[in-house]
Protein backbone atom coordinates (compact mmCIF):
# COMPACT_ATOMS: atom_id res chain seq x y z
CA MET A 1 -29.75 -57.42 -39.63
CA THR A 2 -29.23 -53.87 -41.32
CA ASN A 3 -31.54 -52.15 -43.60
CA LYS A 4 -29.94 -51.19 -46.56
CA LEU A 5 -31.66 -48.51 -49.32
CA GLN A 6 -29.54 -49.28 -52.54
CA THR A 7 -31.73 -47.50 -54.52
CA PRO A 8 -34.34 -44.30 -52.69
CA GLU A 9 -37.54 -45.09 -54.33
CA ILE A 10 -39.31 -41.30 -54.00
CA THR A 11 -42.61 -41.23 -55.57
CA ALA A 12 -45.84 -39.04 -55.69
CA ALA A 13 -48.37 -40.26 -53.20
CA THR A 14 -51.49 -40.95 -54.97
CA ARG A 15 -55.09 -40.82 -53.37
CA GLU A 16 -55.59 -44.45 -52.63
CA GLU A 17 -52.27 -44.15 -50.84
CA LEU A 18 -53.14 -41.46 -48.33
CA PHE A 19 -54.67 -43.91 -45.85
CA GLU A 20 -51.12 -46.05 -45.46
CA ILE A 21 -49.60 -42.52 -45.00
CA ALA A 22 -52.04 -41.08 -41.94
CA GLY A 23 -51.32 -44.37 -40.58
CA PHE A 24 -47.36 -44.22 -40.88
CA LEU A 25 -47.22 -40.88 -40.07
CA HIS A 26 -49.47 -41.44 -36.95
CA ASN A 27 -47.25 -44.22 -35.53
CA CYS A 28 -44.56 -41.74 -36.55
CA TRP A 29 -45.95 -38.55 -34.87
CA LYS A 30 -46.67 -40.25 -31.33
CA ALA A 31 -42.99 -41.81 -31.24
CA GLU A 32 -41.22 -38.46 -32.03
CA TYR A 33 -43.47 -36.71 -29.59
CA SER A 34 -44.40 -39.04 -26.69
CA LYS A 35 -41.83 -37.78 -24.67
CA ILE A 36 -43.02 -34.22 -25.27
CA LEU A 37 -46.74 -34.10 -25.46
CA SER A 38 -49.22 -35.45 -22.68
CA PRO A 39 -50.26 -38.63 -23.06
CA ASP A 40 -54.02 -37.58 -22.77
CA TYR A 41 -53.38 -35.67 -25.85
CA LEU A 42 -51.49 -37.90 -27.81
CA ASP A 43 -54.36 -40.33 -26.90
CA THR A 44 -56.48 -38.10 -28.80
CA MET A 45 -55.06 -38.51 -32.37
CA SER A 46 -56.13 -41.03 -34.40
CA VAL A 47 -55.33 -43.03 -38.08
CA ASP A 48 -59.04 -41.85 -39.21
CA LYS A 49 -58.61 -38.21 -38.09
CA ARG A 50 -55.23 -38.02 -39.73
CA HIS A 51 -56.46 -39.25 -43.08
CA LYS A 52 -59.24 -36.89 -42.87
CA GLY A 53 -56.76 -34.20 -42.94
CA ILE A 54 -54.66 -35.08 -45.20
CA LEU A 55 -57.42 -36.55 -47.35
CA SER A 56 -58.61 -33.08 -47.27
CA ARG A 57 -55.67 -31.51 -48.16
CA PHE A 58 -55.21 -33.71 -51.19
CA ASP A 59 -58.40 -32.93 -52.66
CA GLU A 60 -57.98 -29.22 -52.09
CA LYS A 61 -54.67 -30.13 -53.65
CA SER A 62 -53.41 -27.07 -50.83
CA SER A 63 -50.50 -29.94 -50.07
CA ASP A 64 -48.32 -32.30 -52.38
CA PHE A 65 -47.22 -36.14 -50.98
CA LEU A 66 -44.04 -37.52 -51.45
CA ILE A 67 -43.44 -41.36 -50.24
CA MET A 68 -40.22 -42.96 -49.82
CA ARG A 69 -40.11 -46.95 -50.03
CA ASP A 70 -37.37 -50.01 -49.30
CA ALA A 71 -39.13 -52.40 -51.95
CA ASN A 72 -42.48 -52.20 -51.01
CA LYS A 73 -42.20 -50.85 -47.50
CA LEU A 74 -43.02 -47.43 -46.90
CA ILE A 75 -40.29 -45.72 -45.06
CA GLY A 76 -40.76 -42.57 -45.62
CA ALA A 77 -43.44 -39.27 -46.31
CA ALA A 78 -43.33 -35.56 -46.53
CA VAL A 79 -46.53 -33.42 -46.94
CA PHE A 80 -45.67 -29.97 -48.66
CA GLY A 81 -47.18 -27.30 -50.14
CA LYS A 82 -48.04 -23.03 -49.09
CA SER A 83 -47.43 -22.09 -46.06
CA PHE A 84 -50.03 -23.10 -43.03
CA THR A 85 -47.71 -20.66 -40.74
CA ASP A 86 -49.27 -17.59 -39.66
CA GLY A 87 -47.36 -15.02 -40.64
CA PHE A 88 -45.80 -16.53 -43.66
CA PRO A 89 -48.72 -16.86 -46.45
CA ASP A 90 -46.44 -16.48 -49.52
CA ASP A 91 -43.81 -19.12 -48.48
CA GLY A 92 -43.57 -22.76 -49.73
CA GLU A 93 -43.75 -25.29 -46.03
CA VAL A 94 -42.48 -29.04 -46.08
CA SER A 95 -45.59 -29.28 -43.27
CA ALA A 96 -44.51 -33.12 -42.15
CA ILE A 97 -41.61 -35.14 -42.70
CA TYR A 98 -40.89 -38.45 -41.40
CA ILE A 99 -38.87 -41.55 -41.76
CA ARG A 100 -39.09 -45.10 -39.87
CA HIS A 101 -36.84 -45.01 -37.14
CA ASP A 102 -35.16 -48.08 -38.26
CA TYR A 103 -34.00 -45.93 -41.12
CA ILE A 104 -32.97 -42.73 -39.24
CA GLY A 105 -29.46 -41.47 -39.67
CA LYS A 106 -28.73 -43.03 -42.51
CA GLY A 107 -29.21 -40.20 -45.10
CA TYR A 108 -32.87 -40.98 -46.34
CA GLY A 109 -34.38 -38.23 -44.75
CA HIS A 110 -32.01 -35.58 -46.50
CA THR A 111 -33.19 -37.11 -49.74
CA LEU A 112 -36.45 -36.75 -48.96
CA PHE A 113 -36.77 -33.17 -47.98
CA THR A 114 -34.38 -32.18 -50.33
CA LYS A 115 -37.06 -33.62 -53.00
CA ALA A 116 -39.60 -31.82 -51.37
CA GLU A 117 -37.68 -28.58 -50.95
CA THR A 118 -36.86 -29.36 -55.32
CA ALA A 119 -40.55 -29.54 -55.87
CA LEU A 120 -41.47 -26.17 -53.76
CA SER A 121 -38.74 -24.68 -55.71
CA GLU A 122 -40.32 -25.51 -59.30
CA LYS A 123 -43.60 -24.05 -57.81
CA GLY A 124 -42.20 -20.60 -57.44
CA PHE A 125 -41.85 -20.60 -53.84
CA VAL A 126 -38.84 -18.17 -53.47
CA SER A 127 -38.35 -19.20 -48.94
CA PHE A 128 -39.27 -21.77 -47.32
CA VAL A 129 -40.93 -21.79 -43.79
CA VAL A 130 -41.33 -24.85 -40.81
CA ASP A 131 -42.38 -24.85 -37.73
CA VAL A 132 -41.50 -27.46 -34.75
CA LEU A 133 -42.17 -28.42 -31.27
CA SER A 134 -38.96 -26.74 -29.31
CA GLY A 135 -38.69 -29.78 -27.41
CA ASN A 136 -38.22 -31.61 -30.83
CA THR A 137 -33.91 -30.49 -30.72
CA ARG A 138 -33.42 -33.74 -33.40
CA ALA A 139 -35.76 -32.04 -35.75
CA ILE A 140 -34.37 -28.28 -35.00
CA SER A 141 -30.85 -29.42 -35.72
CA PHE A 142 -32.46 -31.13 -38.94
CA TYR A 143 -33.59 -28.16 -40.64
CA LYS A 144 -30.03 -25.59 -39.44
CA ASN A 145 -28.30 -28.41 -41.08
CA HIS A 146 -30.48 -27.86 -44.11
CA GLY A 147 -29.94 -24.25 -44.25
CA TYR A 148 -33.24 -22.51 -42.35
CA GLU A 149 -32.48 -20.15 -39.22
CA ILE A 150 -34.91 -19.74 -36.31
CA VAL A 151 -36.96 -16.45 -36.92
CA SER A 152 -39.30 -16.51 -34.03
CA GLU A 153 -40.23 -18.77 -30.96
CA ARG A 154 -44.16 -18.87 -30.36
CA SER A 155 -46.38 -20.99 -28.32
CA ILE A 156 -49.50 -23.54 -29.54
CA CYS A 157 -51.89 -24.74 -27.35
CA LEU A 158 -52.27 -28.74 -27.94
CA GLY A 159 -55.27 -30.11 -25.55
CA ASP A 160 -55.06 -28.09 -22.83
CA LYS A 161 -51.77 -26.95 -22.77
CA GLU A 162 -49.58 -24.26 -24.36
CA TYR A 163 -46.09 -25.68 -25.41
CA PRO A 164 -43.51 -23.40 -26.95
CA LEU A 165 -42.95 -23.54 -31.00
CA THR A 166 -39.95 -23.01 -33.14
CA VAL A 167 -40.33 -21.22 -36.60
CA LEU A 168 -37.42 -21.51 -38.79
CA ARG A 169 -37.14 -20.41 -42.41
CA LYS A 170 -34.97 -20.54 -45.38
CA ARG A 171 -34.56 -17.98 -48.42
CA ASN A 172 -34.87 -20.14 -51.55
CA GLY A 173 -32.22 -19.28 -53.92
CA ARG A 174 -28.53 -17.80 -53.91
CA HIS A 175 -27.57 -14.00 -52.16
CA ASP A 176 -25.66 -12.14 -53.87
CA PHE A 177 -22.28 -12.71 -52.85
CA GLU A 178 -23.04 -16.81 -53.85
CA LEU A 179 -21.44 -18.42 -57.09
CA ALA A 180 -23.91 -20.19 -58.95
CA LYS A 181 -25.52 -23.48 -57.84
CA CYS A 182 -24.24 -25.52 -60.84
CA THR A 183 -20.56 -24.18 -59.94
CA THR A 184 -20.59 -24.87 -56.04
CA GLN A 185 -22.98 -27.65 -55.89
CA TRP A 186 -23.22 -29.60 -59.08
CA GLY A 187 -19.29 -29.11 -59.71
CA TRP A 188 -19.89 -27.48 -63.52
CA VAL A 189 -17.14 -25.30 -64.80
CA TYR A 190 -17.58 -22.56 -66.89
CA HIS A 191 -16.20 -22.46 -70.13
CA HIS A 192 -17.83 -19.43 -72.44
CA LEU A 193 -20.43 -17.32 -73.29
CA GLY A 194 -21.71 -17.47 -76.74
CA ILE A 195 -23.28 -14.68 -78.01
CA PRO A 196 -25.23 -14.42 -81.71
CA THR A 197 -24.21 -11.88 -84.35
CA ASN A 198 -24.50 -10.77 -87.88
CA GLU A 199 -21.62 -8.62 -88.27
CA GLU A 200 -18.36 -10.38 -89.76
CA LYS A 201 -15.68 -11.06 -87.44
CA VAL A 202 -11.58 -11.20 -87.78
CA ASN A 203 -10.45 -14.98 -87.94
CA GLU A 204 -13.41 -16.56 -88.18
CA THR A 205 -13.73 -20.36 -88.19
CA TYR A 206 -16.47 -22.13 -90.20
CA ILE A 207 -18.45 -25.06 -88.59
CA SER A 208 -19.69 -26.66 -91.91
CA GLN A 209 -21.51 -29.18 -90.95
CA PHE A 210 -24.15 -26.65 -88.55
CA LYS A 211 -23.22 -23.40 -91.15
CA PHE A 212 -22.12 -20.91 -88.60
CA TYR A 213 -18.87 -19.15 -88.04
CA VAL A 214 -17.13 -18.72 -84.62
CA SER A 215 -14.31 -16.53 -83.37
CA GLY A 216 -13.17 -14.90 -80.55
CA PHE A 217 -12.87 -17.77 -77.83
CA ILE A 218 -9.15 -18.59 -78.47
CA THR A 219 -7.99 -15.49 -77.19
CA SER A 220 -10.74 -13.40 -74.78
CA PRO A 221 -9.28 -14.38 -71.48
CA PHE A 222 -13.00 -14.22 -70.46
CA GLY A 223 -14.14 -16.92 -73.17
CA VAL A 224 -16.41 -15.06 -74.84
CA GLU A 225 -16.97 -16.60 -78.72
CA TRP A 226 -18.55 -14.56 -81.21
CA MET A 227 -21.02 -16.61 -83.44
CA ARG A 228 -22.50 -16.20 -86.97
CA PHE A 229 -24.93 -17.92 -88.36
CA GLU A 230 -25.82 -19.02 -91.96
CA LYS A 231 -29.71 -18.38 -92.87
CA ASP A 232 -30.20 -22.06 -93.31
CA SER A 233 -27.99 -23.05 -89.84
CA PRO A 234 -29.74 -26.31 -88.57
CA ILE A 235 -28.83 -24.65 -84.84
CA HIS A 236 -31.53 -24.21 -82.88
CA ALA A 237 -33.40 -20.99 -83.45
CA LEU A 238 -32.91 -19.98 -79.66
CA ILE A 239 -29.09 -20.71 -79.70
CA GLN A 240 -29.05 -18.37 -82.79
CA THR A 241 -31.13 -15.10 -81.02
CA ILE A 242 -30.09 -15.27 -77.65
CA PRO A 243 -26.73 -15.97 -75.79
CA HIS A 244 -26.08 -18.92 -74.26
CA LEU A 245 -23.29 -19.40 -71.40
CA ALA A 246 -21.50 -23.24 -71.93
CA PHE A 247 -20.33 -25.73 -68.85
CA VAL A 248 -18.08 -28.05 -68.41
CA VAL A 249 -19.25 -31.43 -67.45
CA LYS A 250 -17.76 -34.70 -66.07
CA ASP A 251 -20.55 -36.65 -67.01
CA LEU A 252 -23.08 -35.53 -69.92
CA ASP A 253 -25.43 -38.30 -69.79
CA TYR A 254 -25.83 -38.04 -65.90
CA GLU A 255 -26.83 -34.44 -65.99
CA LEU A 256 -29.15 -34.95 -68.63
CA ALA A 257 -30.68 -38.07 -66.60
CA ASN A 258 -31.04 -36.75 -63.25
CA ARG A 259 -31.58 -32.86 -63.58
CA ASN A 260 -35.04 -32.93 -65.52
CA PHE A 261 -33.58 -30.22 -68.09
CA ASN A 262 -35.63 -29.42 -71.36
CA VAL A 263 -33.63 -30.36 -74.15
CA ILE A 264 -33.16 -28.44 -77.15
CA THR A 265 -30.09 -30.37 -78.91
CA GLU A 266 -29.41 -33.74 -78.45
CA PRO A 267 -25.90 -34.75 -77.26
CA ASN A 268 -23.69 -34.36 -80.15
CA THR A 269 -19.50 -34.62 -81.42
CA PRO A 270 -19.27 -31.72 -83.26
CA SER A 271 -15.02 -32.56 -82.56
CA LYS A 272 -13.19 -35.28 -81.93
CA GLY A 273 -13.16 -35.71 -77.98
CA VAL A 274 -15.80 -33.29 -77.02
CA ARG A 275 -19.91 -34.44 -76.81
CA VAL A 276 -22.02 -31.54 -75.97
CA ALA A 277 -25.77 -30.78 -75.89
CA MET A 278 -28.06 -27.82 -75.34
CA ILE A 279 -30.29 -27.48 -72.30
CA GLU A 280 -33.46 -24.24 -72.37
CA TYR A 281 -33.74 -23.35 -68.45
CA ASN A 282 -36.06 -20.89 -68.16
CA GLY A 283 -35.66 -19.17 -71.61
CA ALA A 284 -32.06 -19.01 -72.00
CA PRO A 285 -30.00 -21.69 -73.75
CA ILE A 286 -27.54 -23.63 -71.63
CA GLU A 287 -24.25 -25.76 -73.45
CA LEU A 288 -22.84 -28.53 -71.18
CA MET A 289 -19.58 -30.05 -72.32
CA GLU A 290 -17.68 -33.30 -71.48
CA PHE A 291 -14.69 -33.85 -73.06
CA GLU A 292 -12.98 -36.79 -73.16
CA GLY A 293 -9.96 -37.88 -70.78
CA ARG A 294 -10.71 -34.83 -68.84
């Protein structure tokens, strides 16, 4: 019988779920490190001790907790927040992530880890750091596959023994030479740049239902579109005052439902065969366009 998770249910853990999480992490941790750490040290660990530690982090708001369930069965947990790793006080850190043994290798760890990284991004962290016992080669490979690079090798004292510790780090965000994530990962395609103007342009087209004029797009090799609004235009004020980028997407409803955007103009049909919506991201308006049959 194989365990197959059709739709992972990932939720933020409540305080009441922390004891269950402590037991889960304890069992996973002992299984993972049974061949790396001494039995004497492993015997000093307990669910109560781990529960006390994560309860303190929860109450101090120094860490957040995500859990993954298959139906009601806990199959994964992640602990993340501000870094506890020496030398990286300003980084975000996933300090623990474990998947139930019979679910490993099926993509659930990636899903949970990515969710935790996204939450750290939303908190404003510009770099991520993790540390792992060097003997855990599977974990090191997992982090490397997610873009982390080894930045230092250290040691840690556990019980009465020293163990080598590997520290890995990843920059959160793009390098200067990288293209935007929405095009490289989400599959969006650039369509145009809309620029508000008060100046009357040649060959303007009037969009009566929204009371504004457009020009430039059909002849611009760069997709620059000028937009001149009438005083009583119903278009959102942000769009009337700040230039916007427009992208073609395959499924407008999917993008709006799955990316937690701030929608400022609900999906509508400005012309036959095209649906559009406007979102706001970090103060900038972005237009999403879906063309029928394309």
